[in-house]
């Protein structure tokens, strides 16, 4: 199916997905990829679908949907920037009057034609899993012709000229990039000055069965390190909760909030008072392994437990 949805997205609202690259055609074969191993590992752009056909397919879906669509999102079963027609695709679907998003792995931004294609999107997500080249190879397993220095420089160049909403995503893997790497990533991301940066973990079965998500302590530390230098940081740990909406139900509120941001202990106490709840309810959630208490820089934080680590 070349067009699917709209589907609910915490990042993009109601998102109409465009699957314009066949599975699994990619520049990477990430150890954590939910789509499994890359069957077609390439580093050259190709034609996949006729832009007129793609635009007509999107238009048909838009016209058939009775509700509002926030974004048309290019998020295929592979790397979207491998599509040599991506720029034309974006131009044609923008004619429908809906914002366009592209979720890419950043590996092709060293190419001028790719930067030129993405410049007209309204929202672009860049993946930054590592700054150390050895770690990049271990986590993302790139095509042999790709150069990590060029990939990073391509991101810098793109960020300096892109006028839309710039997002970054960093996937943390236990034992691979969850140690000192987040400090280096934060320094690099500061150069990009993204509108929002996501700290993520794999929440679906990964390509390699030995892959485990970083633990809560590592995820919280990365969040704190990012937050010191970046404008806006959130978690992507698998819960599409109603973040920061106070419902009067303390359990619902704290689980939704701490799936996106860790909460300091004083903030938790404020929420307890607001919801008319007791400290014993927080302790019960901890006992039930729904929430975990963490310490960082002499402060106590609470975070939704990463359930995928216990699977």
C-alpha atoms as a PDB file:
ATOM      1  CA  UNK A   1       0.000   0.000   0.000  1.00  0.00           C
ATOM      2  CA  UNK A   2       1.628   3.228  -1.136  1.00  0.00           C
ATOM      3  CA  UNK A   3      -0.591   5.520   0.995  1.00  0.00           C
ATOM      4  CA  UNK A   4      -1.943   4.604   4.426  1.00  0.00           C
ATOM      5  CA  UNK A   5      -3.730   6.206   7.335  1.00  0.00           C
ATOM      6  CA  UNK A   6      -4.188   8.808   8.591  1.00  0.00           C
ATOM      7  CA  UNK A   7      -2.675   7.417  11.778  1.00  0.00           C
ATOM      8  CA  UNK A   8      -2.326   9.229  15.122  1.00  0.00           C
ATOM      9  CA  UNK A   9       1.175  10.518  15.784  1.00  0.00           C
ATOM     10  CA  UNK A  10       2.374  12.317  18.906  1.00  0.00           C
ATOM     11  CA  UNK A  11       4.855  14.190  16.755  1.00  0.00           C
ATOM     12  CA  UNK A  12       2.650  15.033  13.791  1.00  0.00           C
ATOM     13  CA  UNK A  13      -0.978  14.752  14.855  1.00  0.00           C
ATOM     14  CA  UNK A  14      -3.066  13.022  12.152  1.00  0.00           C
ATOM     15  CA  UNK A  15      -0.463  11.779   9.699  1.00  0.00           C
ATOM     16  CA  UNK A  16      -1.163  10.366   6.241  1.00  0.00           C
ATOM     17  CA  UNK A  17       1.746   8.035   5.467  1.00  0.00           C
ATOM     18  CA  UNK A  18       3.409   7.667   2.064  1.00  0.00           C
ATOM     19  CA  UNK A  19       5.316   4.399   1.581  1.00  0.00           C
ATOM     20  CA  UNK A  20       7.215   5.321  -1.571  1.00  0.00           C
ATOM     21  CA  UNK A  21      10.330   3.111  -1.197  1.00  0.00           C
ATOM     22  CA  UNK A  22       9.972  -0.692  -1.428  1.00  0.00           C
ATOM     23  CA  UNK A  23      10.974  -2.768   1.591  1.00  0.00           C
ATOM     24  CA  UNK A  24      13.712  -3.044   2.597  1.00  0.00           C
ATOM     25  CA  UNK A  25      15.703  -0.610   0.454  1.00  0.00           C
ATOM     26  CA  UNK A  26      17.956   1.456   2.665  1.00  0.00           C
ATOM     27  CA  UNK A  27      21.402   2.961   3.168  1.00  0.00           C
ATOM     28  CA  UNK A  28      21.536   1.388   6.644  1.00  0.00           C
ATOM     29  CA  UNK A  29      20.827  -1.996   8.182  1.00  0.00           C
ATOM     30  CA  UNK A  30      20.288  -0.801  11.748  1.00  0.00           C
ATOM     31  CA  UNK A  31      20.564  -3.439  14.441  1.00  0.00           C
ATOM     32  CA  UNK A  32      17.299  -2.199  15.984  1.00  0.00           C
ATOM     33  CA  UNK A  33      15.158  -1.817  12.847  1.00  0.00           C
ATOM     34  CA  UNK A  34      11.617  -3.095  13.325  1.00  0.00           C
ATOM     35  CA  UNK A  35      11.488  -4.020   9.627  1.00  0.00           C
ATOM     36  CA  UNK A  36      14.331  -6.511  10.011  1.00  0.00           C
ATOM     37  CA  UNK A  37      17.520  -6.791   7.983  1.00  0.00           C
ATOM     38  CA  UNK A  38      18.047  -4.649   4.882  1.00  0.00           C
ATOM     39  CA  UNK A  39      17.658  -6.805   1.787  1.00  0.00           C
ATOM     40  CA  UNK A  40      18.664  -4.063  -0.632  1.00  0.00           C
ATOM     41  CA  UNK A  41      21.518  -2.062   0.916  1.00  0.00           C
ATOM     42  CA  UNK A  42      22.299   0.758  -1.525  1.00  0.00           C
ATOM     43  CA  UNK A  43      23.777   4.262  -1.507  1.00  0.00           C
ATOM     44  CA  UNK A  44      22.604   5.547  -4.899  1.00  0.00           C
ATOM     45  CA  UNK A  45      19.247   7.207  -5.556  1.00  0.00           C
ATOM     46  CA  UNK A  46      16.734   5.448  -7.812  1.00  0.00           C
ATOM     47  CA  UNK A  47      13.288   5.814  -9.372  1.00  0.00           C
ATOM     48  CA  UNK A  48      10.602   3.852  -7.540  1.00  0.00           C
ATOM     49  CA  UNK A  49       7.139   5.237  -8.343  1.00  0.00           C
ATOM     50  CA  UNK A  50       5.942   7.679 -10.956  1.00  0.00           C
ATOM     51  CA  UNK A  51       5.375  11.044  -9.183  1.00  0.00           C
ATOM     52  CA  UNK A  52       2.060  11.579 -10.980  1.00  0.00           C
ATOM     53  CA  UNK A  53       0.815   8.176  -9.788  1.00  0.00           C
ATOM     54  CA  UNK A  54       2.008   8.865  -6.250  1.00  0.00           C
ATOM     55  CA  UNK A  55       0.389  12.302  -6.105  1.00  0.00           C
ATOM     56  CA  UNK A  56      -2.882  10.923  -7.497  1.00  0.00           C
ATOM     57  CA  UNK A  57      -2.849   8.157  -4.863  1.00  0.00           C
ATOM     58  CA  UNK A  58      -2.346  10.686  -2.085  1.00  0.00           C
ATOM     59  CA  UNK A  59      -5.066  12.983  -3.463  1.00  0.00           C
ATOM     60  CA  UNK A  60      -7.541  10.103  -3.622  1.00  0.00           C
ATOM     61  CA  UNK A  61      -6.861   9.209  -0.004  1.00  0.00           C
ATOM     62  CA  UNK A  62      -7.151  12.828   1.131  1.00  0.00           C
ATOM     63  CA  UNK A  63     -10.465  13.308  -0.653  1.00  0.00           C
ATOM     64  CA  UNK A  64     -11.864  10.078   0.801  1.00  0.00           C
ATOM     65  CA  UNK A  65     -10.986  11.040   4.380  1.00  0.00           C
ATOM     66  CA  UNK A  66     -13.675  13.054   6.121  1.00  0.00           C
ATOM     67  CA  UNK A  67     -11.518  14.458   8.938  1.00  0.00           C
ATOM     68  CA  UNK A  68      -8.600  16.855   9.043  1.00  0.00           C
ATOM     69  CA  UNK A  69      -5.084  15.710   8.101  1.00  0.00           C
ATOM     70  CA  UNK A  70      -2.193  17.512   9.781  1.00  0.00           C
ATOM     71  CA  UNK A  71       0.694  16.111   7.717  1.00  0.00           C
ATOM     72  CA  UNK A  72       1.399  14.040   4.652  1.00  0.00           C
ATOM     73  CA  UNK A  73       4.409  12.076   5.839  1.00  0.00           C
ATOM     74  CA  UNK A  74       7.032  10.374   3.690  1.00  0.00           C
ATOM     75  CA  UNK A  75       7.963   7.463   5.960  1.00  0.00           C
ATOM     76  CA  UNK A  76       8.493   4.354   3.801  1.00  0.00           C
ATOM     77  CA  UNK A  77       9.796   0.840   4.473  1.00  0.00           C
ATOM     78  CA  UNK A  78      13.276   2.110   3.621  1.00  0.00           C
ATOM     79  CA  UNK A  79      15.178   5.391   3.355  1.00  0.00           C
ATOM     80  CA  UNK A  80      12.979   8.099   1.746  1.00  0.00           C
ATOM     81  CA  UNK A  81      15.867  10.149   0.339  1.00  0.00           C
ATOM     82  CA  UNK A  82      16.885   7.224  -1.887  1.00  0.00           C
ATOM     83  CA  UNK A  83      13.875   8.166  -4.028  1.00  0.00           C
ATOM     84  CA  UNK A  84      15.301  10.345  -6.789  1.00  0.00           C
ATOM     85  CA  UNK A  85      11.806  11.782  -7.352  1.00  0.00           C
ATOM     86  CA  UNK A  86      11.341  12.879  -3.727  1.00  0.00           C
ATOM     87  CA  UNK A  87      11.594  16.590  -4.505  1.00  0.00           C
ATOM     88  CA  UNK A  88       8.946  16.372  -7.197  1.00  0.00           C
ATOM     89  CA  UNK A  89       6.785  14.185  -4.959  1.00  0.00           C
ATOM     90  CA  UNK A  90       6.901  16.797  -2.189  1.00  0.00           C
ATOM     91  CA  UNK A  91       6.130  19.625  -4.609  1.00  0.00           C
ATOM     92  CA  UNK A  92       3.120  17.809  -6.060  1.00  0.00           C
ATOM     93  CA  UNK A  93       1.496  16.737  -2.777  1.00  0.00           C
ATOM     94  CA  UNK A  94       2.020  20.181  -1.248  1.00  0.00           C
ATOM     95  CA  UNK A  95      -0.427  21.356  -3.867  1.00  0.00           C
ATOM     96  CA  UNK A  96      -3.121  19.686  -1.770  1.00  0.00           C
ATOM     97  CA  UNK A  97      -2.664  22.372   0.887  1.00  0.00           C
ATOM     98  CA  UNK A  98      -1.439  20.009   3.628  1.00  0.00           C
ATOM     99  CA  UNK A  99       1.924  20.239   5.373  1.00  0.00           C
ATOM    100  CA  UNK A 100       4.566  17.692   4.334  1.00  0.00           C
ATOM    101  CA  UNK A 101       6.902  15.807   6.663  1.00  0.00           C
ATOM    102  CA  UNK A 102       9.858  13.540   5.892  1.00  0.00           C
ATOM    103  CA  UNK A 103      11.369  11.125   8.409  1.00  0.00           C
ATOM    104  CA  UNK A 104      14.852  10.229   7.171  1.00  0.00           C
ATOM    105  CA  UNK A 105      18.049   8.663   8.514  1.00  0.00           C
ATOM    106  CA  UNK A 106      20.255  11.638   7.454  1.00  0.00           C
ATOM    107  CA  UNK A 107      22.674   9.437   5.507  1.00  0.00           C
ATOM    108  CA  UNK A 108      22.176  11.157   2.129  1.00  0.00           C
ATOM    109  CA  UNK A 109      22.271  14.797   3.199  1.00  0.00           C
ATOM    110  CA  UNK A 110      25.858  15.142   1.974  1.00  0.00           C
ATOM    111  CA  UNK A 111      24.295  15.252  -1.520  1.00  0.00           C
ATOM    112  CA  UNK A 112      23.178  18.654  -2.764  1.00  0.00           C
ATOM    113  CA  UNK A 113      20.212  17.197  -4.646  1.00  0.00           C
ATOM    114  CA  UNK A 114      18.913  15.563  -1.458  1.00  0.00           C
ATOM    115  CA  UNK A 115      19.224  18.808   0.518  1.00  0.00           C
ATOM    116  CA  UNK A 116      17.416  20.626  -2.290  1.00  0.00           C
ATOM    117  CA  UNK A 117      14.616  18.030  -2.266  1.00  0.00           C
ATOM    118  CA  UNK A 118      14.070  18.268   1.488  1.00  0.00           C
ATOM    119  CA  UNK A 119      14.280  22.054   1.693  1.00  0.00           C
ATOM    120  CA  UNK A 120      10.637  22.389   0.591  1.00  0.00           C
ATOM    121  CA  UNK A 121       9.259  20.073   3.286  1.00  0.00           C
ATOM    122  CA  UNK A 122       7.543  21.635   6.292  1.00  0.00           C
ATOM    123  CA  UNK A 123       8.917  19.199   8.892  1.00  0.00           C
ATOM    124  CA  UNK A 124      12.037  17.010   8.636  1.00  0.00           C
ATOM    125  CA  UNK A 125      13.333  14.462  11.126  1.00  0.00           C
ATOM    126  CA  UNK A 126      17.045  13.601  11.139  1.00  0.00           C
ATOM    127  CA  UNK A 127      18.464  10.500  12.820  1.00  0.00           C
ATOM    128  CA  UNK A 128      21.592  10.913  14.954  1.00  0.00           C
ATOM    129  CA  UNK A 129      22.525   7.672  16.706  1.00  0.00           C
ATOM    130  CA  UNK A 130      26.258   8.285  17.068  1.00  0.00           C
ATOM    131  CA  UNK A 131      29.033  10.817  16.618  1.00  0.00           C
ATOM    132  CA  UNK A 132      31.822   8.296  17.041  1.00  0.00           C
ATOM    133  CA  UNK A 133      32.285   6.576  13.669  1.00  0.00           C
ATOM    134  CA  UNK A 134      32.948   3.146  15.175  1.00  0.00           C
ATOM    135  CA  UNK A 135      29.713   3.368  17.141  1.00  0.00           C
ATOM    136  CA  UNK A 136      27.862   4.528  14.008  1.00  0.00           C
ATOM    137  CA  UNK A 137      29.031   1.429  12.158  1.00  0.00           C
ATOM    138  CA  UNK A 138      28.037  -0.874  15.025  1.00  0.00           C
ATOM    139  CA  UNK A 139      24.564   0.617  15.487  1.00  0.00           C
ATOM    140  CA  UNK A 140      23.454   1.749  12.013  1.00  0.00           C
ATOM    141  CA  UNK A 141      25.565  -0.643   9.877  1.00  0.00           C
ATOM    142  CA  UNK A 142      25.797   1.736   6.885  1.00  0.00           C
ATOM    143  CA  UNK A 143      26.547   0.984   3.258  1.00  0.00           C
ATOM    144  CA  UNK A 144      30.296   0.750   2.786  1.00  0.00           C
ATOM    145  CA  UNK A 145      30.460   3.766   0.469  1.00  0.00           C
ATOM    146  CA  UNK A 146      29.047   6.152   3.064  1.00  0.00           C
ATOM    147  CA  UNK A 147      31.405   8.416   4.981  1.00  0.00           C
ATOM    148  CA  UNK A 148      30.343   9.369   8.499  1.00  0.00           C
ATOM    149  CA  UNK A 149      32.164  12.717   8.507  1.00  0.00           C
ATOM    150  CA  UNK A 150      30.355  13.655   5.292  1.00  0.00           C
ATOM    151  CA  UNK A 151      27.011  12.522   6.751  1.00  0.00           C
ATOM    152  CA  UNK A 152      27.468  14.734   9.819  1.00  0.00           C
ATOM    153  CA  UNK A 153      28.588  17.683   7.701  1.00  0.00           C
ATOM    154  CA  UNK A 154      25.558  17.206   5.460  1.00  0.00           C
ATOM    155  CA  UNK A 155      23.301  17.518   8.492  1.00  0.00           C
ATOM    156  CA  UNK A 156      25.047  20.727   9.549  1.00  0.00           C
ATOM    157  CA  UNK A 157      24.673  22.217   6.088  1.00  0.00           C
ATOM    158  CA  UNK A 158      21.000  21.285   5.837  1.00  0.00           C
ATOM    159  CA  UNK A 159      20.146  22.591   9.300  1.00  0.00           C
ATOM    160  CA  UNK A 160      21.762  25.932   8.470  1.00  0.00           C
ATOM    161  CA  UNK A 161      19.392  26.592   5.557  1.00  0.00           C
ATOM    162  CA  UNK A 162      16.192  24.694   6.403  1.00  0.00           C
ATOM    163  CA  UNK A 163      13.343  27.022   7.373  1.00  0.00           C
ATOM    164  CA  UNK A 164      10.774  24.440   8.427  1.00  0.00           C
ATOM    165  CA  UNK A 165      10.482  22.464  11.668  1.00  0.00           C
ATOM    166  CA  UNK A 166      13.655  20.464  12.301  1.00  0.00           C
ATOM    167  CA  UNK A 167      13.446  17.381  14.500  1.00  0.00           C
ATOM    168  CA  UNK A 168      16.117  14.875  15.531  1.00  0.00           C
ATOM    169  CA  UNK A 169      15.831  11.343  16.858  1.00  0.00           C
ATOM    170  CA  UNK A 170      18.442   9.349  18.757  1.00  0.00           C
ATOM    171  CA  UNK A 171      17.867   5.627  19.343  1.00  0.00           C
ATOM    172  CA  UNK A 172      19.636   4.345  22.463  1.00  0.00           C
ATOM    173  CA  UNK A 173      20.780   0.713  22.493  1.00  0.00           C
ATOM    174  CA  UNK A 174      22.029  -1.013  25.625  1.00  0.00           C
ATOM    175  CA  UNK A 175      25.807  -1.470  25.497  1.00  0.00           C
ATOM    176  CA  UNK A 176      26.274   0.285  22.145  1.00  0.00           C
ATOM    177  CA  UNK A 177      25.538   4.016  22.330  1.00  0.00           C
ATOM    178  CA  UNK A 178      24.044   4.570  25.786  1.00  0.00           C
ATOM    179  CA  UNK A 179      27.297   5.269  27.663  1.00  0.00           C
ATOM    180  CA  UNK A 180      29.312   8.373  26.811  1.00  0.00           C
ATOM    181  CA  UNK A 181      27.859   8.812  23.319  1.00  0.00           C
ATOM    182  CA  UNK A 182      24.868  10.990  24.346  1.00  0.00           C
ATOM    183  CA  UNK A 183      27.242  13.724  25.566  1.00  0.00           C
ATOM    184  CA  UNK A 184      28.883  13.890  22.129  1.00  0.00           C
ATOM    185  CA  UNK A 185      25.514  13.729  20.382  1.00  0.00           C
ATOM    186  CA  UNK A 186      24.222  16.635  22.482  1.00  0.00           C
ATOM    187  CA  UNK A 187      27.202  18.800  21.491  1.00  0.00           C
ATOM    188  CA  UNK A 188      26.568  18.009  17.823  1.00  0.00           C
ATOM    189  CA  UNK A 189      22.817  18.603  18.079  1.00  0.00           C
ATOM    190  CA  UNK A 190      23.457  22.006  19.604  1.00  0.00           C
ATOM    191  CA  UNK A 191      25.088  22.957  16.292  1.00  0.00           C
ATOM    192  CA  UNK A 192      21.941  21.894  14.427  1.00  0.00           C
ATOM    193  CA  UNK A 193      19.680  23.786  16.865  1.00  0.00           C
ATOM    194  CA  UNK A 194      16.650  21.549  16.213  1.00  0.00           C
ATOM    195  CA  UNK A 195      13.144  22.641  17.187  1.00  0.00           C
ATOM    196  CA  UNK A 196      12.726  19.364  19.060  1.00  0.00           C
ATOM    197  CA  UNK A 197      14.969  16.375  19.813  1.00  0.00           C
ATOM    198  CA  UNK A 198      13.687  12.913  20.687  1.00  0.00           C
ATOM    199  CA  UNK A 199      15.410  10.336  22.871  1.00  0.00           C
ATOM    200  CA  UNK A 200      14.134   6.985  21.668  1.00  0.00           C
ATOM    201  CA  UNK A 201      14.434   3.262  22.372  1.00  0.00           C
ATOM    202  CA  UNK A 202      13.363   0.280  20.253  1.00  0.00           C
ATOM    203  CA  UNK A 203       9.853  -0.753  21.274  1.00  0.00           C
ATOM    204  CA  UNK A 204       9.165  -3.407  18.627  1.00  0.00           C
ATOM    205  CA  UNK A 205      11.076  -6.604  17.782  1.00  0.00           C
ATOM    206  CA  UNK A 206      14.476  -5.504  16.363  1.00  0.00           C
ATOM    207  CA  UNK A 207      16.453  -6.886  13.432  1.00  0.00           C
ATOM    208  CA  UNK A 208      18.899  -8.542  15.849  1.00  0.00           C
ATOM    209  CA  UNK A 209      17.439 -10.518  18.710  1.00  0.00           C
ATOM    210  CA  UNK A 210      20.346  -9.546  21.002  1.00  0.00           C
ATOM    211  CA  UNK A 211      19.400  -5.861  20.851  1.00  0.00           C
ATOM    212  CA  UNK A 212      18.069  -4.446  24.113  1.00  0.00           C
ATOM    213  CA  UNK A 213      16.861  -0.890  24.738  1.00  0.00           C
ATOM    214  CA  UNK A 214      18.908   1.311  27.016  1.00  0.00           C
ATOM    215  CA  UNK A 215      17.687   1.138  30.606  1.00  0.00           C
ATOM    216  CA  UNK A 216      15.739   3.866  32.370  1.00  0.00           C
ATOM    217  CA  UNK A 217      18.815   5.334  34.034  1.00  0.00           C
ATOM    218  CA  UNK A 218      20.637   5.733  30.714  1.00  0.00           C
ATOM    219  CA  UNK A 219      17.560   7.193  29.001  1.00  0.00           C
ATOM    220  CA  UNK A 220      17.000   9.677  31.806  1.00  0.00           C
ATOM    221  CA  UNK A 221      20.667  10.696  31.779  1.00  0.00           C
ATOM    222  CA  UNK A 222      20.562  11.272  28.017  1.00  0.00           C
ATOM    223  CA  UNK A 223      17.434  13.376  28.452  1.00  0.00           C
ATOM    224  CA  UNK A 224      19.110  15.519  31.108  1.00  0.00           C
ATOM    225  CA  UNK A 225      22.306  15.911  29.048  1.00  0.00           C
ATOM    226  CA  UNK A 226      20.292  16.928  25.964  1.00  0.00           C
ATOM    227  CA  UNK A 227      18.099  19.306  27.962  1.00  0.00           C
ATOM    228  CA  UNK A 228      21.087  21.298  29.182  1.00  0.00           C
ATOM    229  CA  UNK A 229      21.942  22.462  25.650  1.00  0.00           C
ATOM    230  CA  UNK A 230      18.829  21.947  23.489  1.00  0.00           C
ATOM    231  CA  UNK A 231      15.583  23.882  23.262  1.00  0.00           C
ATOM    232  CA  UNK A 232      13.069  21.055  23.522  1.00  0.00           C
ATOM    233  CA  UNK A 233      13.612  17.383  24.364  1.00  0.00           C
ATOM    234  CA  UNK A 234      11.115  14.523  24.614  1.00  0.00           C
ATOM    235  CA  UNK A 235      11.085  10.758  24.952  1.00  0.00           C
ATOM    236  CA  UNK A 236       9.882   8.345  22.288  1.00  0.00           C
ATOM    237  CA  UNK A 237       9.561   5.190  24.362  1.00  0.00           C
ATOM    238  CA  UNK A 238       6.463   3.653  22.886  1.00  0.00           C
ATOM    239  CA  UNK A 239       3.555   5.372  24.644  1.00  0.00           C
ATOM    240  CA  UNK A 240       1.346   7.776  22.713  1.00  0.00           C
ATOM    241  CA  UNK A 241      -0.099   9.209  25.905  1.00  0.00           C
ATOM    242  CA  UNK A 242      -2.034  12.374  26.571  1.00  0.00           C
ATOM    243  CA  UNK A 243       1.083  14.142  27.847  1.00  0.00           C
ATOM    244  CA  UNK A 244       0.636  16.926  30.351  1.00  0.00           C
ATOM    245  CA  UNK A 245      -3.155  16.746  30.293  1.00  0.00           C
ATOM    246  CA  UNK A 246      -4.381  16.709  33.858  1.00  0.00           C
ATOM    247  CA  UNK A 247      -7.415  14.462  34.027  1.00  0.00           C
ATOM    248  CA  UNK A 248      -7.813  14.260  37.790  1.00  0.00           C
ATOM    249  CA  UNK A 249      -6.680  10.627  37.545  1.00  0.00           C
ATOM    250  CA  UNK A 250      -3.190  10.595  39.045  1.00  0.00           C
ATOM    251  CA  UNK A 251      -2.137   7.238  37.563  1.00  0.00           C
ATOM    252  CA  UNK A 252      -3.224   8.210  34.069  1.00  0.00           C
ATOM    253  CA  UNK A 253      -1.591  11.623  34.363  1.00  0.00           C
ATOM    254  CA  UNK A 254       1.800  10.523  35.668  1.00  0.00           C
ATOM    255  CA  UNK A 255       2.126   7.583  33.270  1.00  0.00           C
ATOM    256  CA  UNK A 256       1.348   9.776  30.265  1.00  0.00           C
ATOM    257  CA  UNK A 257       3.659  12.602  31.359  1.00  0.00           C
ATOM    258  CA  UNK A 258       6.626  10.391  32.312  1.00  0.00           C
ATOM    259  CA  UNK A 259       6.439   8.565  29.000  1.00  0.00           C
ATOM    260  CA  UNK A 260       7.434  11.869  27.391  1.00  0.00           C
ATOM    261  CA  UNK A 261       9.437  13.656  30.077  1.00  0.00           C
ATOM    262  CA  UNK A 262      10.917  12.580  33.414  1.00  0.00           C
ATOM    263  CA  UNK A 263       9.286  14.347  36.352  1.00  0.00           C
ATOM    264  CA  UNK A 264      11.243  15.765  39.238  1.00  0.00           C
ATOM    265  CA  UNK A 265      10.023  14.741  42.668  1.00  0.00           C
ATOM    266  CA  UNK A 266       8.725  18.213  43.488  1.00  0.00           C
ATOM    267  CA  UNK A 267       6.681  18.211  40.271  1.00  0.00           C
ATOM    268  CA  UNK A 268       5.238  14.809  41.178  1.00  0.00           C
ATOM    269  CA  UNK A 269       4.171  16.186  44.561  1.00  0.00           C
ATOM    270  CA  UNK A 270       2.456  19.105  42.824  1.00  0.00           C
ATOM    271  CA  UNK A 271       0.602  16.667  40.549  1.00  0.00           C
ATOM    272  CA  UNK A 272      -0.459  14.581  43.537  1.00  0.00           C
ATOM    273  CA  UNK A 273      -1.945  17.672  45.170  1.00  0.00           C
ATOM    274  CA  UNK A 274      -3.647  18.762  41.948  1.00  0.00           C
ATOM    275  CA  UNK A 275      -5.231  15.332  41.444  1.00  0.00           C
ATOM    276  CA  UNK A 276      -6.117  14.907  45.125  1.00  0.00           C
ATOM    277  CA  UNK A 277      -3.963  11.778  45.337  1.00  0.00           C
ATOM    278  CA  UNK A 278      -1.663  10.400  48.019  1.00  0.00           C
ATOM    279  CA  UNK A 279       2.017   9.486  48.059  1.00  0.00           C
ATOM    280  CA  UNK A 280       0.948   5.863  48.589  1.00  0.00           C
ATOM    281  CA  UNK A 281      -0.462   5.811  45.044  1.00  0.00           C
ATOM    282  CA  UNK A 282       2.961   6.715  43.662  1.00  0.00           C
ATOM    283  CA  UNK A 283       4.578   3.982  45.750  1.00  0.00           C
ATOM    284  CA  UNK A 284       2.019   1.483  44.455  1.00  0.00           C
ATOM    285  CA  UNK A 285       2.907   2.341  40.833  1.00  0.00           C
ATOM    286  CA  UNK A 286       6.566   1.827  41.701  1.00  0.00           C
ATOM    287  CA  UNK A 287       5.775  -1.518  43.374  1.00  0.00           C
ATOM    288  CA  UNK A 288       3.752  -2.590  40.302  1.00  0.00           C
ATOM    289  CA  UNK A 289       6.759  -1.783  38.056  1.00  0.00           C
ATOM    290  CA  UNK A 290       4.809   0.858  36.162  1.00  0.00           C
ATOM    291  CA  UNK A 291       7.145   3.664  37.173  1.00  0.00           C
ATOM    292  CA  UNK A 292      10.769   3.877  38.295  1.00  0.00           C
ATOM    293  CA  UNK A 293      12.611   6.308  40.577  1.00  0.00           C
ATOM    294  CA  UNK A 294      15.949   7.616  39.312  1.00  0.00           C
ATOM    295  CA  UNK A 295      18.607  10.004  40.599  1.00  0.00           C
ATOM    296  CA  UNK A 296      20.588  12.480  38.525  1.00  0.00           C
ATOM    297  CA  UNK A 297      22.760  15.373  39.738  1.00  0.00           C
ATOM    298  CA  UNK A 298      21.395  15.044  43.291  1.00  0.00           C
ATOM    299  CA  UNK A 299      17.789  15.245  42.104  1.00  0.00           C
ATOM    300  CA  UNK A 300      15.163  12.501  42.158  1.00  0.00           C
ATOM    301  CA  UNK A 301      13.155  11.842  38.989  1.00  0.00           C
ATOM    302  CA  UNK A 302      10.284   9.537  38.124  1.00  0.00           C
ATOM    303  CA  UNK A 303       9.960   7.904  34.713  1.00  0.00           C
ATOM    304  CA  UNK A 304       7.532   5.472  33.128  1.00  0.00           C
ATOM    305  CA  UNK A 305       9.175   2.030  33.207  1.00  0.00           C
ATOM    306  CA  UNK A 306      10.373   0.794  29.837  1.00  0.00           C
ATOM    307  CA  UNK A 307       8.206  -2.303  29.566  1.00  0.00           C
ATOM    308  CA  UNK A 308      10.010  -3.686  26.500  1.00  0.00           C
ATOM    309  CA  UNK A 309      13.075  -4.381  28.654  1.00  0.00           C
ATOM    310  CA  UNK A 310      11.152  -7.034  30.554  1.00  0.00           C
ATOM    311  CA  UNK A 311       9.885  -8.869  27.466  1.00  0.00           C
END
